[in-house]
Amino acid sequence: MKIAIPIAGGTLCQHFGHCEQFALLDVDEAGGRVGAMSLHIPPPHEPGVLPKWLAELGVGLVIAGGMGQRAQAIFSEHGVKVVVGAQGGTPQEIAKAYLGGMLTTGPNACDH
């Protein structure tokens, strides 16, 4: 599976639609292992663009601090799972915590 995490300055960006890059991590869910990571500069932010773009890159899960309801709905239409309310860290730390069932989440940091 491929996990996408929005980042700014190398760590989780709390606002999904305004990140500098997306870290895409190949993970082995069954083995709980994080594999290769690649960084991708997103296309210009417009409603609906990022969910479609990430789905086309083969992403199966997005972990974000905050994300609007429309983006979440579009991800759902593309069969991409979304986890919001992540608290911070590097992409590798976040992915490892998720795979280990230890990801700390709080409220969705985005209210639109």
N, C-alpha and C. Protein backbone atom coordinates (compact mmCIF):
# COMPACT_ATOMS: atom_id res chain seq x y z
N MET A 1 0.86 -1.18 0.00
CA MET A 1 0.00 0.00 0.00
C MET A 1 0.89 1.23 0.00
N LYS A 2 0.34 2.30 -0.53
CA LYS A 2 1.05 3.57 -0.56
C LYS A 2 0.31 4.56 0.33
N ILE A 3 1.07 5.19 1.25
CA ILE A 3 0.52 6.20 2.15
C ILE A 3 1.02 7.57 1.70
N ALA A 4 0.12 8.56 1.67
CA ALA A 4 0.50 9.94 1.37
C ALA A 4 0.36 10.78 2.64
N ILE A 5 1.37 11.60 2.90
CA ILE A 5 1.37 12.49 4.06
C ILE A 5 1.77 13.88 3.59
N PRO A 6 0.93 14.90 3.82
CA PRO A 6 1.30 16.26 3.43
C PRO A 6 2.37 16.80 4.38
N ILE A 7 3.43 17.38 3.81
CA ILE A 7 4.51 17.88 4.65
C ILE A 7 4.91 19.31 4.30
N ALA A 8 5.51 19.96 5.28
CA ALA A 8 6.12 21.27 5.11
C ALA A 8 7.35 21.27 6.03
N GLY A 9 8.49 21.61 5.50
CA GLY A 9 9.70 21.59 6.29
C GLY A 9 10.08 20.20 6.78
N GLY A 10 9.67 19.17 6.07
CA GLY A 10 10.03 17.80 6.41
C GLY A 10 9.14 17.11 7.43
N THR A 11 8.15 17.84 7.97
CA THR A 11 7.24 17.23 8.93
C THR A 11 5.79 17.47 8.50
N LEU A 12 4.88 16.82 9.21
CA LEU A 12 3.46 16.91 8.87
C LEU A 12 2.99 18.36 8.76
N CYS A 13 2.34 18.66 7.67
CA CYS A 13 1.70 19.97 7.48
C CYS A 13 0.25 19.82 7.95
N GLN A 14 -0.17 20.69 8.84
CA GLN A 14 -1.50 20.55 9.42
C GLN A 14 -2.63 20.82 8.44
N HIS A 15 -2.38 21.55 7.37
CA HIS A 15 -3.44 21.83 6.39
C HIS A 15 -3.12 21.12 5.09
N PHE A 16 -3.86 20.07 4.82
CA PHE A 16 -3.68 19.21 3.66
C PHE A 16 -3.51 19.97 2.35
N GLY A 17 -4.37 20.94 2.10
CA GLY A 17 -4.39 21.63 0.81
C GLY A 17 -3.31 22.67 0.61
N HIS A 18 -2.52 22.94 1.65
CA HIS A 18 -1.51 24.00 1.54
C HIS A 18 -0.11 23.51 1.89
N CYS A 19 0.15 22.24 1.68
CA CYS A 19 1.47 21.69 2.00
C CYS A 19 2.47 22.02 0.90
N GLU A 20 3.76 21.89 1.26
CA GLU A 20 4.83 22.10 0.28
C GLU A 20 5.01 20.88 -0.61
N GLN A 21 4.90 19.71 0.00
CA GLN A 21 5.11 18.46 -0.71
C GLN A 21 4.24 17.38 -0.10
N PHE A 22 4.14 16.27 -0.83
CA PHE A 22 3.53 15.06 -0.28
C PHE A 22 4.61 14.00 -0.23
N ALA A 23 4.74 13.37 0.93
CA ALA A 23 5.61 12.21 1.07
C ALA A 23 4.77 10.99 0.75
N LEU A 24 5.21 10.19 -0.19
CA LEU A 24 4.54 8.93 -0.53
C LEU A 24 5.43 7.81 -0.05
N LEU A 25 4.87 6.98 0.82
CA LEU A 25 5.62 5.89 1.42
C LEU A 25 5.01 4.56 1.04
N ASP A 26 5.85 3.64 0.56
CA ASP A 26 5.41 2.28 0.28
C ASP A 26 5.50 1.53 1.60
N VAL A 27 4.40 0.90 1.99
CA VAL A 27 4.38 0.18 3.27
C VAL A 27 3.89 -1.24 3.07
N ASP A 28 4.34 -2.10 3.96
CA ASP A 28 3.88 -3.48 4.03
C ASP A 28 3.00 -3.55 5.26
N GLU A 29 1.69 -3.50 5.05
CA GLU A 29 0.75 -3.50 6.18
C GLU A 29 0.86 -4.76 7.01
N ALA A 30 0.93 -5.90 6.35
CA ALA A 30 0.97 -7.17 7.07
C ALA A 30 2.23 -7.28 7.93
N GLY A 31 3.34 -6.83 7.39
CA GLY A 31 4.60 -6.92 8.12
C GLY A 31 4.89 -5.70 8.98
N GLY A 32 4.08 -4.65 8.83
CA GLY A 32 4.28 -3.44 9.61
C GLY A 32 5.55 -2.69 9.26
N ARG A 33 5.99 -2.80 8.02
CA ARG A 33 7.24 -2.18 7.60
C ARG A 33 7.01 -1.01 6.65
N VAL A 34 7.84 0.02 6.84
CA VAL A 34 7.82 1.18 5.96
C VAL A 34 8.98 1.03 4.99
N GLY A 35 8.66 1.13 3.70
CA GLY A 35 9.69 0.99 2.67
C GLY A 35 10.12 2.34 2.12
N ALA A 36 10.26 2.39 0.82
CA ALA A 36 10.78 3.57 0.14
C ALA A 36 9.84 4.77 0.27
N MET A 37 10.44 5.95 0.31
CA MET A 37 9.67 7.19 0.36
C MET A 37 10.09 8.06 -0.81
N SER A 38 9.11 8.69 -1.44
CA SER A 38 9.38 9.65 -2.50
C SER A 38 8.62 10.94 -2.18
N LEU A 39 9.16 12.06 -2.62
CA LEU A 39 8.54 13.36 -2.38
C LEU A 39 7.98 13.90 -3.68
N HIS A 40 6.77 14.46 -3.60
CA HIS A 40 6.10 14.97 -4.79
C HIS A 40 5.57 16.37 -4.53
N ILE A 41 5.85 17.28 -5.43
CA ILE A 41 5.30 18.63 -5.35
C ILE A 41 3.91 18.59 -5.94
N PRO A 42 2.91 19.05 -5.17
CA PRO A 42 1.53 18.95 -5.65
C PRO A 42 1.23 19.96 -6.75
N PRO A 43 0.22 19.68 -7.54
CA PRO A 43 -0.26 20.66 -8.51
C PRO A 43 -0.87 21.84 -7.75
N PRO A 44 -1.09 22.96 -8.43
CA PRO A 44 -1.71 24.11 -7.75
C PRO A 44 -3.02 23.71 -7.06
N HIS A 45 -3.22 24.26 -5.87
CA HIS A 45 -4.39 23.91 -5.06
C HIS A 45 -5.66 24.49 -5.66
N GLU A 46 -6.55 23.61 -6.04
CA GLU A 46 -7.89 23.96 -6.50
C GLU A 46 -8.81 22.87 -5.95
N PRO A 47 -10.05 23.19 -5.64
CA PRO A 47 -10.94 22.18 -5.09
C PRO A 47 -11.01 20.92 -5.95
N GLY A 48 -10.78 19.79 -5.31
CA GLY A 48 -10.90 18.50 -5.98
C GLY A 48 -9.68 17.99 -6.70
N VAL A 49 -8.67 18.83 -6.91
CA VAL A 49 -7.50 18.42 -7.69
C VAL A 49 -6.61 17.44 -6.94
N LEU A 50 -6.29 17.73 -5.67
CA LEU A 50 -5.34 16.89 -4.94
C LEU A 50 -5.84 15.47 -4.71
N PRO A 51 -7.10 15.26 -4.34
CA PRO A 51 -7.55 13.86 -4.17
C PRO A 51 -7.43 13.03 -5.46
N LYS A 52 -7.80 13.61 -6.57
CA LYS A 52 -7.71 12.89 -7.84
C LYS A 52 -6.25 12.60 -8.19
N TRP A 53 -5.38 13.59 -8.01
CA TRP A 53 -3.96 13.45 -8.31
C TRP A 53 -3.33 12.35 -7.46
N LEU A 54 -3.59 12.35 -6.16
CA LEU A 54 -3.02 11.33 -5.28
C LEU A 54 -3.57 9.94 -5.60
N ALA A 55 -4.85 9.85 -5.93
CA ALA A 55 -5.43 8.56 -6.32
C ALA A 55 -4.75 8.04 -7.58
N GLU A 56 -4.47 8.92 -8.53
CA GLU A 56 -3.79 8.52 -9.76
C GLU A 56 -2.37 8.04 -9.49
N LEU A 57 -1.74 8.52 -8.40
CA LEU A 57 -0.40 8.08 -8.02
C LEU A 57 -0.43 6.74 -7.29
N GLY A 58 -1.62 6.19 -7.07
CA GLY A 58 -1.75 4.88 -6.44
C GLY A 58 -1.84 4.90 -4.93
N VAL A 59 -2.15 6.05 -4.37
CA VAL A 59 -2.25 6.17 -2.91
C VAL A 59 -3.49 5.44 -2.42
N GLY A 60 -3.34 4.69 -1.33
CA GLY A 60 -4.46 3.97 -0.72
C GLY A 60 -4.90 4.57 0.60
N LEU A 61 -4.03 5.41 1.20
CA LEU A 61 -4.31 6.02 2.50
C LEU A 61 -3.65 7.38 2.56
N VAL A 62 -4.38 8.37 3.07
CA VAL A 62 -3.83 9.69 3.34
C VAL A 62 -3.94 9.93 4.83
N ILE A 63 -2.82 10.35 5.43
CA ILE A 63 -2.82 10.73 6.84
C ILE A 63 -2.54 12.22 6.89
N ALA A 64 -3.45 12.98 7.50
CA ALA A 64 -3.34 14.43 7.52
C ALA A 64 -3.71 14.99 8.88
N GLY A 65 -3.27 16.22 9.12
CA GLY A 65 -3.70 16.92 10.33
C GLY A 65 -5.11 17.42 10.16
N GLY A 66 -5.36 18.06 9.04
CA GLY A 66 -6.68 18.58 8.76
C GLY A 66 -7.00 18.49 7.28
N MET A 67 -8.29 18.28 7.00
CA MET A 67 -8.75 18.16 5.61
C MET A 67 -10.23 18.47 5.56
N GLY A 68 -10.62 19.25 4.55
CA GLY A 68 -12.01 19.60 4.37
C GLY A 68 -12.88 18.40 4.01
N GLN A 69 -14.17 18.53 4.26
CA GLN A 69 -15.11 17.44 4.01
C GLN A 69 -15.21 17.09 2.52
N ARG A 70 -15.11 18.09 1.66
CA ARG A 70 -15.21 17.80 0.22
C ARG A 70 -14.05 16.92 -0.24
N ALA A 71 -12.83 17.25 0.20
CA ALA A 71 -11.67 16.44 -0.17
C ALA A 71 -11.83 15.02 0.35
N GLN A 72 -12.32 14.88 1.58
CA GLN A 72 -12.53 13.54 2.15
C GLN A 72 -13.54 12.76 1.32
N ALA A 73 -14.59 13.42 0.87
CA ALA A 73 -15.61 12.75 0.06
C ALA A 73 -15.03 12.30 -1.29
N ILE A 74 -14.20 13.14 -1.90
CA ILE A 74 -13.60 12.77 -3.19
C ILE A 74 -12.66 11.59 -3.01
N PHE A 75 -11.86 11.60 -1.93
CA PHE A 75 -11.00 10.44 -1.66
C PHE A 75 -11.84 9.18 -1.54
N SER A 76 -12.94 9.27 -0.82
CA SER A 76 -13.81 8.12 -0.64
C SER A 76 -14.33 7.59 -1.98
N GLU A 77 -14.68 8.51 -2.88
CA GLU A 77 -15.15 8.12 -4.21
C GLU A 77 -14.08 7.34 -4.98
N HIS A 78 -12.80 7.64 -4.69
CA HIS A 78 -11.68 6.98 -5.37
C HIS A 78 -11.16 5.77 -4.59
N GLY A 79 -11.84 5.42 -3.49
CA GLY A 79 -11.43 4.26 -2.71
C GLY A 79 -10.20 4.49 -1.85
N VAL A 80 -9.90 5.75 -1.55
CA VAL A 80 -8.73 6.09 -0.74
C VAL A 80 -9.20 6.37 0.69
N LYS A 81 -8.60 5.68 1.65
CA LYS A 81 -8.92 5.88 3.05
C LYS A 81 -8.24 7.16 3.55
N VAL A 82 -8.89 7.86 4.49
CA VAL A 82 -8.35 9.10 5.05
C VAL A 82 -8.35 9.02 6.57
N VAL A 83 -7.24 9.42 7.17
CA VAL A 83 -7.14 9.58 8.62
C VAL A 83 -6.79 11.03 8.87
N VAL A 84 -7.62 11.75 9.61
CA VAL A 84 -7.35 13.15 9.94
C VAL A 84 -7.09 13.30 11.44
N GLY A 85 -6.50 14.42 11.80
CA GLY A 85 -6.22 14.69 13.20
C GLY A 85 -4.84 14.22 13.64
N ALA A 86 -3.98 13.82 12.69
CA ALA A 86 -2.62 13.42 13.05
C ALA A 86 -1.93 14.61 13.72
N GLN A 87 -1.07 14.32 14.67
CA GLN A 87 -0.51 15.37 15.51
C GLN A 87 0.85 15.89 15.09
N GLY A 88 1.59 15.23 14.25
CA GLY A 88 2.89 15.75 13.82
C GLY A 88 3.92 14.66 13.72
N GLY A 89 5.10 15.05 13.28
CA GLY A 89 6.21 14.12 13.12
C GLY A 89 6.65 14.03 11.68
N THR A 90 7.68 13.23 11.46
CA THR A 90 8.17 13.00 10.11
C THR A 90 7.27 11.99 9.42
N PRO A 91 7.31 11.93 8.11
CA PRO A 91 6.48 10.94 7.41
C PRO A 91 6.75 9.50 7.87
N GLN A 92 8.02 9.16 8.08
CA GLN A 92 8.35 7.81 8.51
C GLN A 92 7.79 7.52 9.90
N GLU A 93 7.91 8.49 10.82
CA GLU A 93 7.37 8.30 12.17
C GLU A 93 5.86 8.10 12.14
N ILE A 94 5.19 8.90 11.33
CA ILE A 94 3.73 8.82 11.23
C ILE A 94 3.30 7.48 10.65
N ALA A 95 3.97 7.06 9.57
CA ALA A 95 3.63 5.78 8.94
C ALA A 95 3.88 4.62 9.90
N LYS A 96 5.01 4.63 10.60
CA LYS A 96 5.31 3.56 11.56
C LYS A 96 4.27 3.52 12.68
N ALA A 97 3.90 4.70 13.17
CA ALA A 97 2.89 4.76 14.24
C ALA A 97 1.56 4.21 13.74
N TYR A 98 1.17 4.56 12.52
CA TYR A 98 -0.08 4.05 11.95
C TYR A 98 -0.04 2.53 11.84
N LEU A 99 1.02 2.00 11.27
CA LEU A 99 1.13 0.55 11.07
C LEU A 99 1.16 -0.20 12.39
N GLY A 100 1.71 0.45 13.43
CA GLY A 100 1.79 -0.18 14.74
C GLY A 100 0.57 0.05 15.61
N GLY A 101 -0.44 0.74 15.06
CA GLY A 101 -1.65 1.02 15.83
C GLY A 101 -1.44 2.05 16.92
N MET A 102 -0.41 2.88 16.77
CA MET A 102 -0.05 3.84 17.81
C MET A 102 -0.16 5.30 17.34
N LEU A 103 -0.81 5.54 16.20
CA LEU A 103 -0.92 6.90 15.69
C LEU A 103 -1.85 7.72 16.58
N THR A 104 -1.34 8.83 17.10
CA THR A 104 -2.14 9.72 17.92
C THR A 104 -2.90 10.68 17.02
N THR A 105 -4.20 10.75 17.20
CA THR A 105 -5.00 11.69 16.42
C THR A 105 -5.85 12.53 17.37
N GLY A 106 -6.20 13.70 16.89
CA GLY A 106 -7.07 14.61 17.64
C GLY A 106 -8.15 15.10 16.69
N PRO A 107 -8.66 16.28 16.95
CA PRO A 107 -9.69 16.80 16.05
C PRO A 107 -9.12 17.17 14.68
N ASN A 108 -9.99 17.15 13.70
CA ASN A 108 -9.63 17.58 12.36
C ASN A 108 -9.22 19.04 12.42
N ALA A 109 -7.99 19.34 11.98
CA ALA A 109 -7.47 20.70 12.06
C ALA A 109 -8.04 21.63 10.98
N CYS A 110 -8.96 21.13 10.20
CA CYS A 110 -9.55 21.93 9.11
C CYS A 110 -11.08 21.93 9.28
N ASP A 111 -11.69 23.09 9.19
CA ASP A 111 -13.13 23.15 9.44
C ASP A 111 -13.96 23.54 8.23
N HIS A 112 -13.42 23.32 7.03
CA HIS A 112 -14.24 23.63 5.84
C HIS A 112 -14.35 22.42 4.93
